[in-house]
Protein backbone atom coordinates (compact mmCIF):
# COMPACT_ATOMS: atom_id res chain seq x y z
CA MET A 1 -118.51 -157.71 32.72
CA LYS A 2 -120.04 -160.67 30.83
CA ASP A 3 -121.83 -158.23 28.57
CA ILE A 4 -118.59 -156.43 27.67
CA PHE A 5 -116.78 -159.62 26.70
CA GLN A 6 -119.78 -160.89 24.76
CA ALA A 7 -119.89 -157.54 22.93
CA ILE A 8 -116.18 -157.89 22.09
CA VAL A 9 -116.79 -161.33 20.56
CA GLU A 10 -119.70 -159.97 18.51
CA ALA A 11 -117.67 -157.07 17.28
CA LEU A 12 -114.81 -159.36 16.24
CA GLU A 13 -117.31 -161.59 14.37
CA ARG A 14 -118.45 -158.45 12.50
CA ASN A 15 -114.77 -157.66 11.68
CA GLN A 16 -115.07 -154.53 13.82
CA PRO A 17 -112.21 -153.28 16.04
CA VAL A 18 -113.04 -152.02 19.49
CA ALA A 19 -111.24 -150.34 22.37
CA LEU A 20 -111.43 -151.58 25.90
CA ALA A 21 -110.72 -148.97 28.66
CA THR A 22 -109.81 -150.36 32.09
CA VAL A 23 -109.20 -148.48 35.35
CA VAL A 24 -105.90 -149.99 36.30
CA ARG A 25 -104.99 -147.84 39.36
CA THR A 26 -106.75 -145.55 41.75
CA GLN A 27 -105.75 -143.48 44.76
CA GLY A 28 -108.09 -141.61 46.99
CA SER A 29 -111.70 -140.91 45.97
CA THR A 30 -112.37 -141.75 42.34
CA PRO A 31 -115.67 -142.38 40.30
CA ARG A 32 -114.84 -146.08 39.87
CA GLU A 33 -112.41 -148.56 41.45
CA ALA A 34 -109.60 -150.41 39.67
CA GLY A 35 -110.90 -153.11 37.38
CA ALA A 36 -113.87 -151.01 36.09
CA LYS A 37 -114.16 -151.34 32.27
CA MET A 38 -115.79 -149.64 29.41
CA LEU A 39 -115.98 -150.73 25.76
CA VAL A 40 -115.65 -147.93 23.11
CA TYR A 41 -116.66 -148.22 19.44
CA ALA A 42 -115.19 -146.19 16.59
CA ASP A 43 -118.25 -143.88 16.44
CA GLY A 44 -117.83 -143.01 20.18
CA SER A 45 -120.65 -145.18 21.47
CA THR A 46 -119.92 -147.08 24.62
CA LEU A 47 -120.86 -150.03 26.70
CA ASP A 48 -120.69 -149.74 30.52
CA THR A 49 -118.86 -146.91 32.25
CA ILE A 50 -115.65 -145.93 34.05
CA GLY A 51 -117.25 -143.08 35.94
CA GLY A 52 -118.86 -140.67 33.57
CA ALA A 53 -118.34 -136.89 33.43
CA ALA A 54 -115.21 -135.34 32.04
CA VAL A 55 -112.84 -138.30 32.72
CA GLU A 56 -115.04 -140.60 30.60
CA GLY A 57 -115.17 -137.98 27.78
CA ARG A 58 -111.38 -137.81 27.69
CA VAL A 59 -111.17 -141.67 27.68
CA ILE A 60 -113.69 -141.95 24.83
CA ALA A 61 -111.71 -139.49 22.78
CA ALA A 62 -108.46 -141.29 23.55
CA ALA A 63 -110.09 -144.66 22.65
CA GLN A 64 -111.27 -143.27 19.31
CA ALA A 65 -107.71 -141.99 18.54
CA ALA A 66 -106.36 -145.43 19.56
CA LEU A 67 -108.80 -147.20 17.13
CA ALA A 68 -107.57 -144.84 14.42
CA ASP A 69 -103.83 -145.53 14.83
CA GLY A 70 -103.93 -148.94 16.48
CA GLN A 71 -101.80 -147.87 19.41
CA PRO A 72 -102.85 -148.39 23.08
CA ARG A 73 -102.86 -145.51 25.63
CA LEU A 74 -102.13 -145.15 29.28
CA LEU A 75 -103.92 -142.17 30.67
CA ASP A 76 -103.45 -140.44 34.05
CA PHE A 77 -106.12 -138.28 35.66
CA ASP A 78 -105.70 -135.97 38.59
CA LEU A 79 -109.04 -135.24 40.27
CA THR A 80 -107.77 -133.13 43.11
CA GLU A 81 -107.84 -129.89 41.06
CA ARG A 82 -111.18 -128.73 39.68
CA ASP A 83 -109.50 -126.71 36.93
CA GLN A 84 -108.15 -129.79 35.28
CA LEU A 85 -111.34 -131.69 34.57
CA GLY A 86 -114.08 -129.83 36.37
CA MET A 87 -114.27 -132.66 38.89
CA LEU A 88 -113.22 -132.64 42.55
CA CYS A 89 -113.39 -136.21 43.70
CA GLY A 90 -110.06 -135.72 45.51
CA GLY A 91 -108.20 -138.74 44.03
CA GLN A 92 -106.18 -139.95 41.17
CA MET A 93 -106.82 -142.67 38.54
CA GLN A 94 -105.08 -144.33 35.70
CA VAL A 95 -106.84 -145.82 32.73
CA PHE A 96 -105.38 -148.16 30.17
CA VAL A 97 -106.95 -148.12 26.65
CA ASP A 98 -106.29 -151.21 24.62
CA VAL A 99 -107.23 -151.90 21.00
CA ILE A 100 -108.87 -155.17 20.18
CA THR A 101 -108.70 -155.92 16.50
CA PRO A 102 -109.98 -158.89 14.53
CA ALA A 103 -107.60 -160.96 12.40
CA PRO A 104 -107.11 -159.44 8.94
CA GLN A 105 -109.92 -160.63 6.77
CA PHE A 106 -109.12 -162.43 3.51
CA VAL A 107 -112.12 -162.62 1.18
CA LEU A 108 -111.79 -165.06 -1.78
CA PHE A 109 -114.20 -164.43 -4.50
CA GLY A 110 -114.28 -167.86 -6.13
CA ALA A 111 -113.92 -171.30 -4.82
CA GLY A 112 -111.69 -173.02 -7.45
CA HIS A 113 -108.52 -175.01 -7.14
CA VAL A 114 -106.24 -172.00 -6.60
CA ALA A 115 -108.63 -170.66 -3.97
CA GLN A 116 -108.42 -173.88 -2.07
CA GLU A 117 -104.65 -173.62 -1.92
CA VAL A 118 -104.70 -169.84 -1.08
CA ALA A 119 -107.24 -170.45 1.75
CA ARG A 120 -105.03 -173.06 3.35
CA ILE A 121 -101.99 -170.81 3.31
CA GLY A 122 -103.88 -167.70 4.30
CA ALA A 123 -105.30 -169.38 7.33
CA GLN A 124 -101.82 -170.52 8.40
CA LEU A 125 -100.67 -166.93 8.08
CA GLY A 126 -103.29 -165.70 10.51
CA PHE A 127 -105.95 -164.39 8.10
CA ALA A 128 -109.62 -164.95 8.77
CA VAL A 129 -110.56 -166.63 5.46
CA VAL A 130 -113.91 -165.97 3.85
CA VAL A 131 -114.95 -167.82 0.63
CA VAL A 132 -117.60 -166.39 -1.60
CA ASP A 133 -119.15 -168.50 -4.39
CA ALA A 134 -122.69 -169.10 -5.65
CA ARG A 135 -121.96 -172.79 -6.16
CA PRO A 136 -122.56 -174.99 -3.04
CA GLU A 137 -120.73 -177.92 -4.69
CA TRP A 138 -117.61 -175.78 -4.72
CA ALA A 139 -117.97 -173.60 -1.68
CA ASN A 140 -118.39 -176.01 1.15
CA ALA A 141 -116.58 -177.06 4.38
CA ALA A 142 -115.17 -180.20 2.85
CA ARG A 143 -113.19 -178.27 0.31
CA PHE A 144 -112.43 -175.31 2.61
CA PRO A 145 -112.06 -176.64 6.06
CA GLN A 146 -109.85 -173.59 7.07
CA ALA A 147 -112.46 -171.00 6.09
CA GLN A 148 -113.94 -169.01 8.87
CA ARG A 149 -116.96 -168.22 6.77
CA LEU A 150 -118.50 -169.73 3.62
CA ILE A 151 -120.95 -167.44 1.74
CA VAL A 152 -122.91 -169.35 -0.84
CA ALA A 153 -124.66 -166.62 -2.59
CA SER A 154 -124.78 -164.32 -5.63
CA LEU A 155 -122.34 -161.43 -5.68
CA ASP A 156 -124.98 -158.80 -4.82
CA GLU A 157 -126.25 -160.89 -1.88
CA ALA A 158 -122.74 -161.82 -0.74
CA ILE A 159 -121.70 -158.12 -0.57
CA THR A 160 -124.47 -157.41 1.98
CA HIS A 161 -123.01 -160.07 4.33
CA LEU A 162 -119.47 -158.65 4.33
CA THR A 163 -117.80 -155.76 6.22
CA PHE A 164 -114.80 -154.28 4.46
CA THR A 165 -112.16 -152.43 6.35
CA PRO A 166 -108.53 -151.29 5.95
CA GLN A 167 -107.67 -154.79 7.29
CA THR A 168 -109.56 -156.58 4.50
CA TYR A 169 -107.68 -158.39 1.72
CA ILE A 170 -109.50 -159.43 -1.41
CA ALA A 171 -108.62 -162.01 -4.17
CA ILE A 172 -110.73 -162.25 -7.22
CA MET A 173 -110.62 -165.58 -8.92
CA THR A 174 -114.14 -166.69 -9.84
CA GLY A 175 -113.10 -168.56 -13.04
CA GLU A 176 -115.05 -166.44 -15.41
CA HIS A 177 -113.96 -163.08 -16.91
CA SER A 178 -117.38 -161.50 -16.65
CA SER A 179 -117.71 -162.51 -12.98
CA ASP A 180 -114.18 -161.26 -12.10
CA GLU A 181 -115.03 -157.99 -13.73
CA ALA A 182 -118.40 -157.71 -11.82
CA VAL A 183 -116.59 -158.36 -8.59
CA LEU A 184 -113.81 -155.80 -9.35
CA ARG A 185 -116.49 -153.11 -10.10
CA ARG A 186 -118.05 -153.71 -6.67
CA VAL A 187 -114.88 -153.59 -4.70
CA LEU A 188 -112.52 -151.25 -6.42
CA GLY A 189 -113.64 -148.18 -4.39
CA LEU A 190 -113.66 -149.82 -1.04
CA PRO A 191 -111.14 -148.87 1.67
CA VAL A 192 -109.41 -152.24 1.78
CA ALA A 193 -105.75 -153.21 2.21
CA TYR A 194 -105.35 -155.39 -0.90
CA ILE A 195 -107.24 -156.28 -4.08
CA GLY A 196 -105.76 -158.95 -6.28
CA LEU A 197 -107.10 -160.09 -9.62
CA ILE A 198 -106.06 -163.40 -11.23
CA GLY A 199 -105.59 -163.82 -14.94
CA SER A 200 -103.43 -163.05 -17.95
CA ARG A 201 -102.27 -159.58 -18.79
CA ARG A 202 -104.67 -159.62 -21.81
CA LYS A 203 -107.73 -160.40 -19.70
CA ILE A 204 -106.74 -157.74 -17.16
CA LYS A 205 -106.36 -155.21 -19.90
CA VAL A 206 -109.83 -155.99 -21.30
CA ILE A 207 -111.38 -155.66 -17.82
CA PHE A 208 -109.62 -152.45 -17.12
CA ASP A 209 -110.60 -151.04 -20.48
CA HIS A 210 -114.24 -151.82 -19.71
CA LEU A 211 -114.02 -150.00 -16.46
CA ARG A 212 -112.28 -147.03 -17.88
CA ALA A 213 -114.95 -146.76 -20.55
CA ASP A 214 -117.48 -146.57 -17.75
CA GLY A 215 -115.67 -143.67 -16.08
CA VAL A 216 -113.59 -145.37 -13.34
CA PRO A 217 -110.86 -143.02 -12.33
CA GLU A 218 -107.39 -144.04 -13.51
CA GLU A 219 -105.87 -143.92 -10.00
CA GLN A 220 -108.15 -146.66 -8.92
CA PHE A 221 -106.37 -149.26 -11.07
CA ALA A 222 -103.06 -148.65 -9.34
CA ARG A 223 -104.72 -150.31 -6.27
CA VAL A 224 -105.23 -153.61 -8.12
CA HIS A 225 -102.47 -156.20 -7.97
CA ALA A 226 -102.90 -157.82 -11.35
CA PRO A 227 -101.70 -160.27 -12.35
CA ILE A 228 -102.16 -161.29 -8.71
CA GLY A 229 -99.16 -162.50 -6.70
CA LEU A 230 -95.44 -161.91 -6.72
CA PRO A 231 -93.75 -162.83 -10.06
CA ILE A 232 -92.12 -166.11 -8.99
CA GLY A 233 -93.13 -168.03 -12.09
CA GLY A 234 -95.67 -170.25 -10.40
CA GLU A 235 -97.83 -172.66 -12.56
CA THR A 236 -99.61 -175.07 -10.30
CA PRO A 237 -102.38 -173.96 -7.90
CA ALA A 238 -100.10 -174.44 -4.90
CA GLU A 239 -97.34 -172.37 -6.56
CA ILE A 240 -99.73 -169.58 -7.52
CA ALA A 241 -101.09 -169.61 -3.99
CA VAL A 242 -97.56 -169.18 -2.55
CA SER A 243 -97.07 -166.09 -4.75
CA ILE A 244 -100.43 -164.60 -3.69
CA ALA A 245 -99.81 -165.25 0.00
CA ALA A 246 -96.31 -163.74 -0.30
CA GLU A 247 -97.72 -160.63 -1.85
CA MET A 248 -100.31 -160.24 0.93
CA VAL A 249 -97.73 -160.62 3.62
CA GLN A 250 -95.56 -158.01 1.82
CA ILE A 251 -98.48 -155.52 1.79
CA ARG A 252 -99.35 -156.40 5.43
CA ARG A 253 -95.77 -155.78 6.73
CA ARG A 254 -95.45 -152.51 4.76
CA GLN A 255 -98.62 -151.17 6.31
CA LYS A 256 -97.31 -152.15 9.75
CA HIS A 257 -94.04 -150.45 9.23
CA LYS A 258 -95.72 -147.30 7.97
CA GLY A 259 -97.80 -147.21 11.13
CA ILE A 260 -94.71 -147.55 13.24
CA ALA A 261 -92.87 -144.78 11.29
CA ALA A 262 -95.83 -142.54 11.67
CA GLU A 263 -95.98 -143.12 15.40
CA ASP A 264 -92.19 -142.46 15.61
CA LYS A 265 -92.64 -139.11 13.88
CA SER A 266 -95.43 -138.05 16.18
CA THR A 267 -93.38 -138.66 19.35
């Protein structure tokens, strides 16, 4: 049991969702008793067991489906009829599959004044804030006490330390046009929830034109929120941060509502 909970912590630290299958009720003869647990990863690999054989195969498949749509499952198994599962234990068991997801990750490329304010608000909104900057005098705990991680490294090295998922939000604000363009090149094709690029419309047009000239598909640019943030007319770092945070919340809620709508249609 300790290994399972330690594995959950390690998965969350890697920004990796996992599914926990728990036998919640048994009657008669069953492979495992109530309370037995098994951890299931998205690739179908597992830690521990709830009994093996056909029941476990069904639970793994259900856990993978739960990881895909974010919805828990309650599964009933009748082991009194060999035809159902090829098992004849003589009992019944119920398994609850829960999805354990990390907080949405908010990666800030750049550790300037706006980034400070965005990190503060993002943490308050429940995002796991990660700050990436090659300058230790800028990216440090004193300036970013709310950050879950500080990655002081070049862009190429920093990318190797990050895991990007559909629950990752990215804000690009390095302070230099060339650096912002380099970051956008690296993240534009990633399966993330949000990419925001700070800057004037002229700067953004120049960056986009460079990427178009290098063959980046036009549909990729529609994914970029640029200029970053909702148009509230913000000027100070705090005001700009409010507009960015509001846009991220808007995207986050839209995704959640889409998931609920999809679930409603499937029932």
